[in-house]
């Protein structure tokens, strides 16, 4: 099994990597800091399975460059886990001039998926989107799909997590007949460095809430379940929590929204040269 995993150097992503290590043959790991990653991965039994590619979700050019290399090096990819993400202050922009919450949680992964889609189809692969129950507070505003006008960091994050599920739904609907399957999940309220770049008030709320949070290892369990369970035993396009199918919001179940979001995302990427 060849696995591509984003956000592998901390929190849920690190626990996901360790949990999949015995079963996977090769890991494709896009990371921002190669030196940091190399140092961390020395904790693994060996590093022969690890293939690092420099990539930053806040920089579309780096995603394009990394995915171009990955596409050639790995013609078939069995599993893509889009785990990286976070909550950021509203109004903060990426290198590409886009809202940070929108690009890091959604658009960056869409570019990665777009560029590697054929490699995943060739392997009859799976795509797993790490979403959140916060998607229930997210909205789908046709006049602001880029989340530039959202004034509350939690609402922006909720919308981005809604986008994760809608993307999963679209991929499953469009490419299921070609052998591709897609899933999304809520990992639980996990004690990680989530929200470390948030505003002061949000940081306080998050730190207080962490008293009730679960460990990153526990938070990785649903991702591991979806990764290792045969497709025949899963619900295609399903949204999971605690290894079980979970009801998602009305917005997250809207097929028209899923199509519109995917089309908007590809159009935006094309406008930006990708």
Protein backbone atom coordinates (compact mmCIF):
# COMPACT_ATOMS: atom_id res chain seq x y z
CA UNK A 1 0.00 0.00 0.00
CA UNK A 2 1.34 3.41 -1.03
CA UNK A 3 0.08 6.23 1.19
CA UNK A 4 0.23 10.02 0.85
CA UNK A 5 -0.41 11.85 4.11
CA UNK A 6 -0.41 15.58 4.82
CA UNK A 7 0.28 16.98 8.29
CA UNK A 8 2.42 13.98 9.26
CA UNK A 9 4.86 15.73 11.61
CA UNK A 10 2.54 16.42 14.55
CA UNK A 11 -0.68 15.52 16.33
CA UNK A 12 -3.14 13.22 14.57
CA UNK A 13 -0.99 13.01 11.45
CA UNK A 14 2.02 11.71 13.36
CA UNK A 15 -0.12 9.12 15.14
CA UNK A 16 -1.70 8.14 11.81
CA UNK A 17 1.75 7.62 10.30
CA UNK A 18 2.86 5.43 13.20
CA UNK A 19 -0.39 3.48 13.11
CA UNK A 20 -0.14 2.74 9.40
CA UNK A 21 3.59 2.07 9.40
CA UNK A 22 3.44 -1.73 9.76
CA UNK A 23 0.84 -2.10 6.98
CA UNK A 24 2.07 0.39 4.37
CA UNK A 25 4.84 -0.24 1.86
CA UNK A 26 5.67 3.38 1.03
CA UNK A 27 4.78 6.77 2.49
CA UNK A 28 4.66 9.96 0.44
CA UNK A 29 4.95 12.78 2.95
CA UNK A 30 4.64 16.40 1.82
CA UNK A 31 6.17 18.54 4.57
CA UNK A 32 7.07 22.19 5.06
CA UNK A 33 10.38 21.56 6.82
CA UNK A 34 12.45 18.66 5.46
CA UNK A 35 15.11 18.89 8.19
CA UNK A 36 12.53 18.83 11.00
CA UNK A 37 10.76 15.89 9.39
CA UNK A 38 13.97 13.90 8.93
CA UNK A 39 14.82 14.38 12.60
CA UNK A 40 11.35 13.33 13.75
CA UNK A 41 11.14 10.27 11.54
CA UNK A 42 14.28 8.83 13.12
CA UNK A 43 11.84 7.62 15.82
CA UNK A 44 10.32 5.19 13.32
CA UNK A 45 11.62 1.59 13.06
CA UNK A 46 13.36 2.58 9.83
CA UNK A 47 13.04 5.31 7.24
CA UNK A 48 13.22 3.18 4.10
CA UNK A 49 9.49 3.60 3.53
CA UNK A 50 9.60 7.40 3.82
CA UNK A 51 9.69 9.71 0.81
CA UNK A 52 9.69 13.42 1.68
CA UNK A 53 8.56 16.21 -0.63
CA UNK A 54 8.85 19.86 0.35
CA UNK A 55 5.37 21.42 0.26
CA UNK A 56 3.49 24.21 2.02
CA UNK A 57 -0.31 24.39 1.81
CA UNK A 58 0.00 28.18 2.03
CA UNK A 59 1.97 28.21 -1.22
CA UNK A 60 0.19 26.83 -4.29
CA UNK A 61 3.40 26.85 -6.33
CA UNK A 62 5.02 24.49 -3.82
CA UNK A 63 2.00 22.16 -4.03
CA UNK A 64 2.22 22.13 -7.82
CA UNK A 65 5.96 21.44 -7.71
CA UNK A 66 5.63 18.64 -5.16
CA UNK A 67 2.69 16.97 -6.90
CA UNK A 68 4.48 17.09 -10.26
CA UNK A 69 7.35 15.11 -8.69
CA UNK A 70 5.02 12.71 -6.87
CA UNK A 71 2.98 12.03 -10.00
CA UNK A 72 6.08 10.81 -11.83
CA UNK A 73 7.62 8.89 -8.93
CA UNK A 74 4.42 7.04 -7.94
CA UNK A 75 2.15 6.15 -10.85
CA UNK A 76 -0.27 4.45 -8.46
CA UNK A 77 -1.30 5.77 -5.04
CA UNK A 78 -3.55 3.58 -2.90
CA UNK A 79 -4.48 6.02 -0.15
CA UNK A 80 -4.54 9.80 0.24
CA UNK A 81 -5.16 11.19 3.72
CA UNK A 82 -5.71 14.94 3.78
CA UNK A 83 -5.09 15.54 7.45
CA UNK A 84 -3.32 18.92 7.62
CA UNK A 85 -5.38 21.95 8.61
CA UNK A 86 -6.03 24.45 11.33
CA UNK A 87 -7.91 27.47 12.57
CA UNK A 88 -6.40 30.86 11.83
CA UNK A 89 -7.28 34.50 12.53
CA UNK A 90 -9.79 35.92 10.09
CA UNK A 91 -8.40 38.23 7.48
CA UNK A 92 -5.00 36.54 7.42
CA UNK A 93 -3.77 35.89 3.88
CA UNK A 94 -1.47 33.28 2.36
CA UNK A 95 1.40 33.91 -0.02
CA UNK A 96 -1.17 33.56 -2.81
CA UNK A 97 -3.40 36.31 -1.37
CA UNK A 98 -6.17 33.92 -0.33
CA UNK A 99 -7.79 33.48 3.07
CA UNK A 100 -5.50 31.25 5.13
CA UNK A 101 -8.27 29.08 6.57
CA UNK A 102 -9.71 28.52 3.09
CA UNK A 103 -6.41 27.67 1.42
CA UNK A 104 -4.82 25.51 4.12
CA UNK A 105 -7.93 23.49 4.95
CA UNK A 106 -9.44 23.29 1.48
CA UNK A 107 -7.93 24.72 -1.69
CA UNK A 108 -4.39 23.43 -1.17
CA UNK A 109 -5.69 19.90 -0.83
CA UNK A 110 -7.95 20.32 -3.85
CA UNK A 111 -4.88 21.16 -5.95
CA UNK A 112 -3.10 18.09 -4.58
CA UNK A 113 -6.12 15.89 -5.32
CA UNK A 114 -6.54 17.35 -8.81
CA UNK A 115 -2.92 16.69 -9.73
CA UNK A 116 -2.82 13.15 -8.32
CA UNK A 117 -6.36 12.05 -9.13
CA UNK A 118 -5.36 9.77 -11.99
CA UNK A 119 -2.70 8.09 -9.84
CA UNK A 120 -5.38 7.33 -7.24
CA UNK A 121 -7.84 6.06 -9.85
CA UNK A 122 -5.14 3.76 -11.28
CA UNK A 123 -4.89 2.10 -7.87
CA UNK A 124 -8.66 2.03 -7.17
CA UNK A 125 -7.63 4.15 -4.23
CA UNK A 126 -9.20 5.91 -1.28
CA UNK A 127 -9.24 9.57 -0.35
CA UNK A 128 -9.84 10.43 3.31
CA UNK A 129 -10.66 13.97 4.34
CA UNK A 130 -10.12 14.79 8.02
CA UNK A 131 -13.04 17.11 8.73
CA UNK A 132 -14.69 17.99 12.04
CA UNK A 133 -18.04 18.17 13.78
CA UNK A 134 -17.42 21.92 13.50
CA UNK A 135 -18.83 21.58 9.99
CA UNK A 136 -22.27 21.86 11.61
CA UNK A 137 -21.63 25.56 12.27
CA UNK A 138 -20.22 26.14 8.81
CA UNK A 139 -22.14 27.92 6.09
CA UNK A 140 -22.17 27.81 2.29
CA UNK A 141 -22.26 31.37 1.01
CA UNK A 142 -22.21 31.48 -2.78
CA UNK A 143 -21.06 35.10 -2.60
CA UNK A 144 -18.10 34.27 -0.37
CA UNK A 145 -16.89 30.73 -1.03
CA UNK A 146 -13.33 31.94 -0.43
CA UNK A 147 -14.25 32.87 3.18
CA UNK A 148 -12.84 36.37 2.82
CA UNK A 149 -15.81 38.09 4.47
CA UNK A 150 -16.24 35.79 7.45
CA UNK A 151 -15.45 37.72 10.64
CA UNK A 152 -15.37 34.86 13.13
CA UNK A 153 -12.50 32.33 13.13
CA UNK A 154 -14.69 29.49 14.37
CA UNK A 155 -17.28 30.06 11.66
CA UNK A 156 -14.57 30.21 8.99
CA UNK A 157 -13.08 26.98 10.31
CA UNK A 158 -16.51 25.35 10.39
CA UNK A 159 -17.10 26.33 6.76
CA UNK A 160 -13.70 24.95 5.73
CA UNK A 161 -14.51 21.66 7.47
CA UNK A 162 -17.86 21.64 5.65
CA UNK A 163 -15.88 22.02 2.43
CA UNK A 164 -13.86 18.90 3.35
CA UNK A 165 -17.02 16.82 3.46
CA UNK A 166 -18.47 18.36 0.30
CA UNK A 167 -15.22 17.62 -1.53
CA UNK A 168 -15.33 14.02 -0.35
CA UNK A 169 -18.94 13.72 -1.47
CA UNK A 170 -18.17 15.14 -4.92
CA UNK A 171 -15.21 12.85 -5.49
CA UNK A 172 -17.15 9.79 -4.44
CA UNK A 173 -20.13 10.66 -6.64
CA UNK A 174 -18.02 11.48 -9.69
CA UNK A 175 -15.36 8.79 -9.58
CA UNK A 176 -16.86 5.82 -7.76
CA UNK A 177 -17.47 4.01 -11.05
CA UNK A 178 -13.77 4.38 -11.83
CA UNK A 179 -12.85 2.60 -8.61
CA UNK A 180 -12.10 5.61 -6.42
CA UNK A 181 -13.77 5.99 -3.03
CA UNK A 182 -13.80 8.97 -0.69
CA UNK A 183 -14.64 9.40 2.99
CA UNK A 184 -14.62 12.12 5.62
CA UNK A 185 -14.46 12.00 9.39
CA UNK A 186 -14.55 13.78 12.71
CA UNK A 187 -11.45 12.76 14.69
CA UNK A 188 -12.85 13.89 18.02
CA UNK A 189 -11.81 16.85 20.15
CA UNK A 190 -8.09 16.20 20.11
CA UNK A 191 -5.39 17.73 22.32
CA UNK A 192 -2.91 19.03 19.72
CA UNK A 193 -1.40 22.41 18.81
CA UNK A 194 -4.68 23.22 17.06
CA UNK A 195 -5.48 26.92 17.19
CA UNK A 196 -1.94 27.93 18.11
CA UNK A 197 -2.09 30.78 15.60
CA UNK A 198 -5.59 31.89 16.58
CA UNK A 199 -6.52 35.18 18.23
CA UNK A 200 -6.12 35.65 21.98
CA UNK A 201 -9.75 34.94 22.90
CA UNK A 202 -9.94 31.80 20.76
CA UNK A 203 -6.65 30.55 22.23
CA UNK A 204 -8.04 30.88 25.77
CA UNK A 205 -11.24 29.05 24.83
CA UNK A 206 -9.29 26.26 23.16
CA UNK A 207 -6.90 25.83 26.10
CA UNK A 208 -9.78 25.61 28.57
CA UNK A 209 -11.56 23.09 26.33
CA UNK A 210 -8.45 20.92 26.14
CA UNK A 211 -9.16 19.74 29.67
CA UNK A 212 -11.80 17.52 28.05
CA UNK A 213 -9.89 16.61 24.87
CA UNK A 214 -8.66 13.16 23.83
CA UNK A 215 -5.10 12.24 22.89
CA UNK A 216 -3.81 12.49 19.30
CA UNK A 217 -3.46 8.70 19.29
CA UNK A 218 -7.15 8.32 20.10
CA UNK A 219 -7.96 10.99 17.53
CA UNK A 220 -6.22 9.02 14.79
CA UNK A 221 -8.29 5.88 15.28
CA UNK A 222 -11.11 6.70 12.86
CA UNK A 223 -8.60 7.65 10.16
CA UNK A 224 -6.82 4.34 10.71
CA UNK A 225 -10.13 2.48 10.62
CA UNK A 226 -11.11 4.01 7.27
CA UNK A 227 -7.62 3.44 5.90
CA UNK A 228 -7.44 -0.25 6.73
CA UNK A 229 -11.05 -1.39 6.39
CA UNK A 230 -11.96 -2.87 2.98
CA UNK A 231 -14.22 -0.64 0.88
CA UNK A 232 -16.93 -3.29 0.86
CA UNK A 233 -17.33 -2.83 4.61
CA UNK A 234 -17.61 0.96 4.43
CA UNK A 235 -20.30 3.35 3.26
CA UNK A 236 -19.15 5.01 0.06
CA UNK A 237 -18.90 8.74 0.63
CA UNK A 238 -19.58 8.21 4.32
CA UNK A 239 -18.84 10.63 7.14
CA UNK A 240 -17.50 8.78 10.20
CA UNK A 241 -17.01 9.43 13.90
CA UNK A 242 -15.60 6.90 16.39
CA UNK A 243 -15.27 4.36 13.56
CA UNK A 244 -19.00 4.52 12.81
CA UNK A 245 -21.10 6.32 10.19
CA UNK A 246 -22.35 9.63 11.54
CA UNK A 247 -25.08 12.00 10.40
CA UNK A 248 -23.76 15.12 8.73
CA UNK A 249 -25.33 18.54 8.40
CA UNK A 250 -27.92 19.40 5.78
CA UNK A 251 -25.38 21.60 4.00
CA UNK A 252 -22.86 18.75 3.97
CA UNK A 253 -25.40 16.48 2.27
CA UNK A 254 -26.23 18.95 -0.52
CA UNK A 255 -25.06 17.52 -3.87
CA UNK A 256 -25.47 20.86 -5.64
CA UNK A 257 -23.18 22.51 -3.07
CA UNK A 258 -20.58 19.78 -3.58
CA UNK A 259 -20.55 20.31 -7.33
CA UNK A 260 -20.53 24.09 -7.05
CA UNK A 261 -17.62 24.05 -4.58
CA UNK A 262 -15.52 21.73 -6.75
CA UNK A 263 -16.18 23.80 -9.87
CA UNK A 264 -15.44 27.05 -8.03
CA UNK A 265 -12.20 25.60 -6.65
CA UNK A 266 -10.96 24.42 -10.04
CA UNK A 267 -11.90 27.72 -11.68
CA UNK A 268 -10.03 29.65 -9.00
CA UNK A 269 -6.96 27.44 -9.41
CA UNK A 270 -7.08 27.88 -13.18
CA UNK A 271 -7.28 31.66 -12.78
CA UNK A 272 -4.16 31.47 -10.62
CA UNK A 273 -2.29 29.41 -13.18
CA UNK A 274 -2.88 25.93 -11.78
